[in-house]
PDB file of N, CA and C in Angstrom:
ATOM      1  N   UNK A   1       8.521  27.727  -6.752  1.00  0.00           N
ATOM      2  CA  UNK A   1       7.904  26.579  -5.572  1.00  0.00           C
ATOM      3  C   UNK A   1       8.025  26.870  -4.319  1.00  0.00           C
ATOM      4  N   UNK A   2       8.668  28.098  -3.860  1.00  0.00           N
ATOM      5  CA  UNK A   2       8.625  28.798  -2.613  1.00  0.00           C
ATOM      6  C   UNK A   2       6.900  29.357  -2.407  1.00  0.00           C
ATOM      7  N   UNK A   3       6.454  29.426  -3.193  1.00  0.00           N
ATOM      8  CA  UNK A   3       4.768  30.096  -2.959  1.00  0.00           C
ATOM      9  C   UNK A   3       4.177  28.631  -2.816  1.00  0.00           C
ATOM     10  N   UNK A   4       4.336  27.542  -3.350  1.00  0.00           N
ATOM     11  CA  UNK A   4       3.615  26.374  -3.068  1.00  0.00           C
ATOM     12  C   UNK A   4       3.884  26.085  -1.384  1.00  0.00           C
ATOM     13  N   UNK A   5       5.151  26.282  -0.988  1.00  0.00           N
ATOM     14  CA  UNK A   5       5.496  25.955   0.366  1.00  0.00           C
ATOM     15  C   UNK A   5       4.816  26.782   1.249  1.00  0.00           C
ATOM     16  N   UNK A   6       4.941  27.835   0.661  1.00  0.00           N
ATOM     17  CA  UNK A   6       4.182  29.201   1.689  1.00  0.00           C
ATOM     18  C   UNK A   6       2.383  28.757   1.953  1.00  0.00           C
ATOM     19  N   UNK A   7       2.070  28.316   0.669  1.00  0.00           N
ATOM     20  CA  UNK A   7       0.512  28.059   0.877  1.00  0.00           C
ATOM     21  C   UNK A   7       0.254  26.673   1.685  1.00  0.00           C
ATOM     22  N   UNK A   8       1.201  25.773   1.491  1.00  0.00           N
ATOM     23  CA  UNK A   8       0.823  24.423   1.918  1.00  0.00           C
ATOM     24  C   UNK A   8       1.302  24.692   3.666  1.00  0.00           C
ATOM     25  N   UNK A   9       2.229  25.402   3.872  1.00  0.00           N
ATOM     26  CA  UNK A   9       2.770  25.557   5.226  1.00  0.00           C
ATOM     27  C   UNK A   9       3.723  24.538   5.850  1.00  0.00           C
ATOM     28  N   UNK A  10       4.267  23.810   4.647  1.00  0.00           N
ATOM     29  CA  UNK A  10       5.514  22.589   5.059  1.00  0.00           C
ATOM     30  C   UNK A  10       6.246  22.286   3.716  1.00  0.00           C
ATOM     31  N   UNK A  11       7.191  21.952   3.522  1.00  0.00           N
ATOM     32  CA  UNK A  11       8.015  21.554   2.684  1.00  0.00           C
ATOM     33  C   UNK A  11       7.784  20.424   1.896  1.00  0.00           C
ATOM     34  N   UNK A  12       6.864  20.578   0.795  1.00  0.00           N
ATOM     35  CA  UNK A  12       6.382  19.256   0.139  1.00  0.00           C
ATOM     36  C   UNK A  12       7.184  18.418  -0.084  1.00  0.00           C
ATOM     37  N   UNK A  13       8.599  18.591  -0.296  1.00  0.00           N
ATOM     38  CA  UNK A  13       9.643  17.809  -0.452  1.00  0.00           C
ATOM     39  C   UNK A  13       9.719  16.363   0.117  1.00  0.00           C
ATOM     40  N   UNK A  14       9.254  16.654   1.696  1.00  0.00           N
ATOM     41  CA  UNK A  14       9.555  15.904   2.803  1.00  0.00           C
ATOM     42  C   UNK A  14       8.388  14.496   2.590  1.00  0.00           C
ATOM     43  N   UNK A  15       7.441  14.927   1.544  1.00  0.00           N
ATOM     44  CA  UNK A  15       6.342  13.519   1.364  1.00  0.00           C
ATOM     45  C   UNK A  15       6.908  12.557   0.319  1.00  0.00           C
ATOM     46  N   UNK A  16       7.952  13.466  -0.533  1.00  0.00           N
ATOM     47  CA  UNK A  16       8.631  12.469  -1.464  1.00  0.00           C
ATOM     48  C   UNK A  16       8.610  10.962  -1.148  1.00  0.00           C
ATOM     49  N   UNK A  17       9.609  10.711   0.081  1.00  0.00           N
ATOM     50  CA  UNK A  17       9.765   9.456   0.584  1.00  0.00           C
ATOM     51  C   UNK A  17       8.983   8.878   0.842  1.00  0.00           C
ATOM     52  N   UNK A  18       7.593   9.341   1.869  1.00  0.00           N
ATOM     53  CA  UNK A  18       6.453   8.555   2.193  1.00  0.00           C
ATOM     54  C   UNK A  18       5.821   8.295   0.792  1.00  0.00           C
ATOM     55  N   UNK A  19       5.585   9.085   0.055  1.00  0.00           N
ATOM     56  CA  UNK A  19       4.974   8.728  -1.014  1.00  0.00           C
ATOM     57  C   UNK A  19       5.687   7.621  -1.955  1.00  0.00           C
ATOM     58  N   UNK A  20       7.051   7.157  -2.017  1.00  0.00           N
ATOM     59  CA  UNK A  20       7.551   6.411  -2.522  1.00  0.00           C
ATOM     60  C   UNK A  20       7.397   4.926  -1.773  1.00  0.00           C
ATOM     61  N   UNK A  21       7.395   4.992  -0.675  1.00  0.00           N
ATOM     62  CA  UNK A  21       7.594   3.797   0.332  1.00  0.00           C
ATOM     63  C   UNK A  21       5.920   3.183   0.252  1.00  0.00           C
ATOM     64  N   UNK A  22       4.757   4.116  -0.102  1.00  0.00           N
ATOM     65  CA  UNK A  22       3.597   3.817  -0.183  1.00  0.00           C
ATOM     66  C   UNK A  22       3.642   2.987  -1.546  1.00  0.00           C
ATOM     67  N   UNK A  23       4.112   3.665  -2.477  1.00  0.00           N
ATOM     68  CA  UNK A  23       3.997   3.033  -3.779  1.00  0.00           C
ATOM     69  C   UNK A  23       4.875   1.588  -4.110  1.00  0.00           C
ATOM     70  N   UNK A  24       5.511   1.562  -3.109  1.00  0.00           N
ATOM     71  CA  UNK A  24       6.633   0.299  -3.173  1.00  0.00           C
ATOM     72  C   UNK A  24       5.858  -0.747  -2.493  1.00  0.00           C
ATOM     73  N   UNK A  25       5.010  -0.177  -1.499  1.00  0.00           N
ATOM     74  CA  UNK A  25       4.331  -1.344  -0.402  1.00  0.00           C
ATOM     75  C   UNK A  25       2.955  -1.872  -1.519  1.00  0.00           C
ATOM     76  N   UNK A  26       2.288  -0.646  -2.162  1.00  0.00           N
ATOM     77  CA  UNK A  26       1.462  -1.249  -3.119  1.00  0.00           C
ATOM     78  C   UNK A  26       1.342  -2.183  -4.052  1.00  0.00           C
ATOM     79  N   UNK A  27       2.806  -1.620  -4.695  1.00  0.00           N
ATOM     80  CA  UNK A  27       3.209  -2.793  -5.693  1.00  0.00           C
ATOM     81  C   UNK A  27       3.335  -4.274  -5.183  1.00  0.00           C
ATOM     82  N   UNK A  28       4.468  -4.390  -4.598  1.00  0.00           N
ATOM     83  CA  UNK A  28       4.673  -5.352  -3.850  1.00  0.00           C
ATOM     84  C   UNK A  28       3.475  -6.632  -3.362  1.00  0.00           C
ATOM     85  N   UNK A  29       2.609  -5.615  -2.595  1.00  0.00           N
ATOM     86  CA  UNK A  29       1.115  -6.290  -1.987  1.00  0.00           C
ATOM     87  C   UNK A  29       0.638  -6.834  -3.211  1.00  0.00           C
ATOM     88  N   UNK A  30       0.126  -5.880  -4.393  1.00  0.00           N
ATOM     89  CA  UNK A  30      -0.374  -6.570  -5.414  1.00  0.00           C
ATOM     90  C   UNK A  30      -0.004  -7.496  -6.234  1.00  0.00           C
ATOM     91  N   UNK A  31       1.671  -7.655  -6.365  1.00  0.00           N
ATOM     92  CA  UNK A  31       2.294  -8.610  -7.185  1.00  0.00           C
ATOM     93  C   UNK A  31       2.118  -9.600  -6.080  1.00  0.00           C
ATOM     94  N   UNK A  32       2.151  -9.998  -5.003  1.00  0.00           N
ATOM     95  CA  UNK A  32       2.446 -11.049  -4.378  1.00  0.00           C
ATOM     96  C   UNK A  32       0.760 -11.377  -4.375  1.00  0.00           C
ATOM     97  N   UNK A  33      -0.345 -10.882  -4.061  1.00  0.00           N
ATOM     98  CA  UNK A  33      -1.401 -11.246  -4.149  1.00  0.00           C
ATOM     99  C   UNK A  33      -1.783 -11.707  -5.611  1.00  0.00           C
ATOM    100  N   UNK A  34      -1.490 -11.513  -6.646  1.00  0.00           N
ATOM    101  CA  UNK A  34      -1.697 -11.900  -7.811  1.00  0.00           C
ATOM    102  C   UNK A  34      -1.153 -13.212  -8.137  1.00  0.00           C
ATOM    103  N   UNK A  35       0.398 -13.467  -7.828  1.00  0.00           N
ATOM    104  CA  UNK A  35       1.219 -14.526  -7.676  1.00  0.00           C
ATOM    105  C   UNK A  35       0.831 -15.862  -6.861  1.00  0.00           C
ATOM    106  N   UNK A  36       0.226 -15.297  -5.429  1.00  0.00           N
ATOM    107  CA  UNK A  36       0.007 -16.485  -4.423  1.00  0.00           C
ATOM    108  C   UNK A  36      -1.235 -17.327  -5.140  1.00  0.00           C
ATOM    109  N   UNK A  37      -1.365 -18.490  -4.383  1.00  0.00           N
ATOM    110  CA  UNK A  37      -2.693 -19.443  -4.733  1.00  0.00           C
ATOM    111  C   UNK A  37      -3.816 -18.714  -3.727  1.00  0.00           C
ATOM    112  N   UNK A  38      -4.913 -19.256  -4.680  1.00  0.00           N
ATOM    113  CA  UNK A  38      -5.811 -18.977  -4.080  1.00  0.00           C
ATOM    114  C   UNK A  38      -6.103 -19.246  -2.490  1.00  0.00           C
ATOM    115  N   UNK A  39      -6.094 -20.302  -2.293  1.00  0.00           N
ATOM    116  CA  UNK A  39      -5.989 -21.425  -0.739  1.00  0.00           C
ATOM    117  C   UNK A  39      -4.843 -20.761   0.237  1.00  0.00           C
ATOM    118  N   UNK A  40      -4.249 -20.056  -0.259  1.00  0.00           N
ATOM    119  CA  UNK A  40      -3.174 -19.445   0.383  1.00  0.00           C
ATOM    120  C   UNK A  40      -3.649 -17.930   0.848  1.00  0.00           C
ATOM    121  N   UNK A  41      -4.315 -17.675   0.894  1.00  0.00           N
ATOM    122  CA  UNK A  41      -5.173 -16.172   1.037  1.00  0.00           C
ATOM    123  C   UNK A  41      -6.415 -16.034   1.664  1.00  0.00           C
ATOM    124  N   UNK A  42      -6.243 -15.667   3.232  1.00  0.00           N
ATOM    125  CA  UNK A  42      -7.545 -15.606   3.731  1.00  0.00           C
ATOM    126  C   UNK A  42      -8.412 -14.459   3.188  1.00  0.00           C
ATOM    127  N   UNK A  43      -9.509 -15.279   2.597  1.00  0.00           N
ATOM    128  CA  UNK A  43     -10.733 -14.497   1.954  1.00  0.00           C
ATOM    129  C   UNK A  43     -10.606 -14.174   0.759  1.00  0.00           C
ATOM    130  N   UNK A  44     -11.315 -13.602   0.115  1.00  0.00           N
ATOM    131  CA  UNK A  44     -11.414 -13.523  -1.669  1.00  0.00           C
ATOM    132  C   UNK A  44     -10.412 -12.422  -2.155  1.00  0.00           C
ATOM    133  N   UNK A  45      -9.728 -12.683  -3.116  1.00  0.00           N
ATOM    134  CA  UNK A  45      -8.620 -11.910  -3.799  1.00  0.00           C
ATOM    135  C   UNK A  45      -9.298 -10.666  -3.951  1.00  0.00           C
ATOM    136  N   UNK A  46      -9.919 -10.151  -4.612  1.00  0.00           N
ATOM    137  CA  UNK A  46     -10.645  -9.061  -4.871  1.00  0.00           C
ATOM    138  C   UNK A  46     -10.860  -8.154  -3.650  1.00  0.00           C
ATOM    139  N   UNK A  47     -11.341  -8.665  -2.707  1.00  0.00           N
ATOM    140  CA  UNK A  47     -11.357  -8.064  -1.688  1.00  0.00           C
ATOM    141  C   UNK A  47     -10.460  -7.263  -0.981  1.00  0.00           C
ATOM    142  N   UNK A  48      -8.856  -8.451  -0.993  1.00  0.00           N
ATOM    143  CA  UNK A  48      -7.674  -7.820  -0.660  1.00  0.00           C
ATOM    144  C   UNK A  48      -7.318  -6.681  -1.525  1.00  0.00           C
ATOM    145  N   UNK A  49      -7.357  -6.759  -2.816  1.00  0.00           N
ATOM    146  CA  UNK A  49      -7.099  -5.777  -3.733  1.00  0.00           C
ATOM    147  C   UNK A  49      -7.573  -4.528  -3.187  1.00  0.00           C
ATOM    148  N   UNK A  50      -9.023  -4.824  -3.161  1.00  0.00           N
ATOM    149  CA  UNK A  50      -9.846  -3.050  -2.669  1.00  0.00           C
ATOM    150  C   UNK A  50      -8.864  -2.771  -1.366  1.00  0.00           C
ATOM    151  N   UNK A  51      -8.900  -3.501  -0.443  1.00  0.00           N
ATOM    152  CA  UNK A  51      -8.068  -3.111   0.721  1.00  0.00           C
ATOM    153  C   UNK A  51      -6.902  -2.370   0.571  1.00  0.00           C
ATOM    154  N   UNK A  52      -6.051  -3.556  -0.263  1.00  0.00           N
ATOM    155  CA  UNK A  52      -4.590  -2.754  -0.606  1.00  0.00           C
ATOM    156  C   UNK A  52      -4.724  -1.794  -1.177  1.00  0.00           C
ATOM    157  N   UNK A  53      -5.272  -1.069  -2.182  1.00  0.00           N
ATOM    158  CA  UNK A  53      -5.383   0.141  -3.173  1.00  0.00           C
ATOM    159  C   UNK A  53      -6.046   1.018  -2.237  1.00  0.00           C
ATOM    160  N   UNK A  54      -7.308   0.950  -1.191  1.00  0.00           N
ATOM    161  CA  UNK A  54      -8.192   1.638  -0.950  1.00  0.00           C
ATOM    162  C   UNK A  54      -7.660   2.287   0.567  1.00  0.00           C
ATOM    163  N   UNK A  55      -6.866   1.603   1.047  1.00  0.00           N
ATOM    164  CA  UNK A  55      -6.497   2.165   2.680  1.00  0.00           C
ATOM    165  C   UNK A  55      -4.948   2.209   2.413  1.00  0.00           C
ATOM    166  N   UNK A  56      -4.703   3.529   1.785  1.00  0.00           N
ATOM    167  CA  UNK A  56      -3.089   3.571   1.492  1.00  0.00           C
ATOM    168  C   UNK A  56      -2.461   3.450   2.820  1.00  0.00           C
ATOM    169  N   UNK A  57      -1.304   2.883   2.705  1.00  0.00           N
ATOM    170  CA  UNK A  57      -0.336   2.601   3.816  1.00  0.00           C
ATOM    171  C   UNK A  57      -0.896   1.639   4.402  1.00  0.00           C
ATOM    172  N   UNK A  58      -1.979   1.529   4.846  1.00  0.00           N
ATOM    173  CA  UNK A  58      -2.248   0.537   5.952  1.00  0.00           C
ATOM    174  C   UNK A  58      -2.811  -0.611   5.417  1.00  0.00           C
ATOM    175  N   UNK A  59      -3.213  -0.628   4.068  1.00  0.00           N
ATOM    176  CA  UNK A  59      -3.714  -1.783   3.220  1.00  0.00           C
ATOM    177  C   UNK A  59      -3.062  -3.046   2.999  1.00  0.00           C
ATOM    178  N   UNK A  60      -1.680  -2.335   2.417  1.00  0.00           N
ATOM    179  CA  UNK A  60      -0.532  -3.358   2.169  1.00  0.00           C
ATOM    180  C   UNK A  60       0.054  -4.031   3.391  1.00  0.00           C
ATOM    181  N   UNK A  61       0.279  -3.244   4.420  1.00  0.00           N
ATOM    182  CA  UNK A  61       0.384  -3.948   5.838  1.00  0.00           C
ATOM    183  C   UNK A  61      -0.382  -4.707   6.493  1.00  0.00           C
ATOM    184  N   UNK A  62      -2.038  -4.512   6.555  1.00  0.00           N
ATOM    185  CA  UNK A  62      -2.638  -5.364   6.754  1.00  0.00           C
ATOM    186  C   UNK A  62      -3.079  -6.674   6.060  1.00  0.00           C
ATOM    187  N   UNK A  63      -2.429  -6.604   4.534  1.00  0.00           N
ATOM    188  CA  UNK A  63      -2.624  -7.622   3.704  1.00  0.00           C
ATOM    189  C   UNK A  63      -1.379  -8.825   4.081  1.00  0.00           C
ATOM    190  N   UNK A  64      -0.203  -8.352   4.437  1.00  0.00           N
ATOM    191  CA  UNK A  64       0.849  -8.972   4.929  1.00  0.00           C
ATOM    192  C   UNK A  64       0.785  -9.733   6.173  1.00  0.00           C
ATOM    193  N   UNK A  65       0.179  -9.000   7.377  1.00  0.00           N
ATOM    194  CA  UNK A  65      -0.018  -9.555   8.498  1.00  0.00           C
ATOM    195  C   UNK A  65      -1.191 -10.147   8.565  1.00  0.00           C
ATOM    196  N   UNK A  66      -2.428  -9.746   7.935  1.00  0.00           N
ATOM    197  CA  UNK A  66      -3.542 -10.758   8.411  1.00  0.00           C
ATOM    198  C   UNK A  66      -3.779 -11.602   6.969  1.00  0.00           C
ATOM    199  N   UNK A  67      -3.447 -11.378   6.195  1.00  0.00           N
ATOM    200  CA  UNK A  67      -4.388 -11.880   4.589  1.00  0.00           C
ATOM    201  C   UNK A  67      -3.868 -12.722   4.293  1.00  0.00           C
ATOM    202  N   UNK A  68      -2.374 -12.928   4.764  1.00  0.00           N
ATOM    203  CA  UNK A  68      -1.540 -13.793   3.873  1.00  0.00           C
ATOM    204  C   UNK A  68      -1.179 -15.156   4.904  1.00  0.00           C
ATOM    205  N   UNK A  69      -1.579 -16.555   4.346  1.00  0.00           N
ATOM    206  CA  UNK A  69      -1.111 -17.288   5.513  1.00  0.00           C
ATOM    207  C   UNK A  69       0.345 -17.978   5.123  1.00  0.00           C
ATOM    208  N   UNK A  70       1.041 -18.023   6.126  1.00  0.00           N
ATOM    209  CA  UNK A  70       2.413 -18.499   6.166  1.00  0.00           C
ATOM    210  C   UNK A  70       2.495 -20.488   6.428  1.00  0.00           C
ATOM    211  N   UNK A  71       1.652 -20.913   5.735  1.00  0.00           N
ATOM    212  CA  UNK A  71       2.011 -22.024   5.588  1.00  0.00           C
ATOM    213  C   UNK A  71       3.086 -22.810   5.406  1.00  0.00           C
TER     214      UNK A  71
END
């Protein structure tokens, strides 16, 4: 493992919390998108699914900020 740290130039263990947070955000956003009514989502659901999955870390945040109506 020390060879990997030397090759990358940083300790890869520091990425584990960031990856865990990202995975949790994606799962929660996709679960919410599936469960919520279509009329409570701004736009088409499949487009939001692509945004959530495709734009790592920012996609789920964008969904919760802009894609979900809070009526």
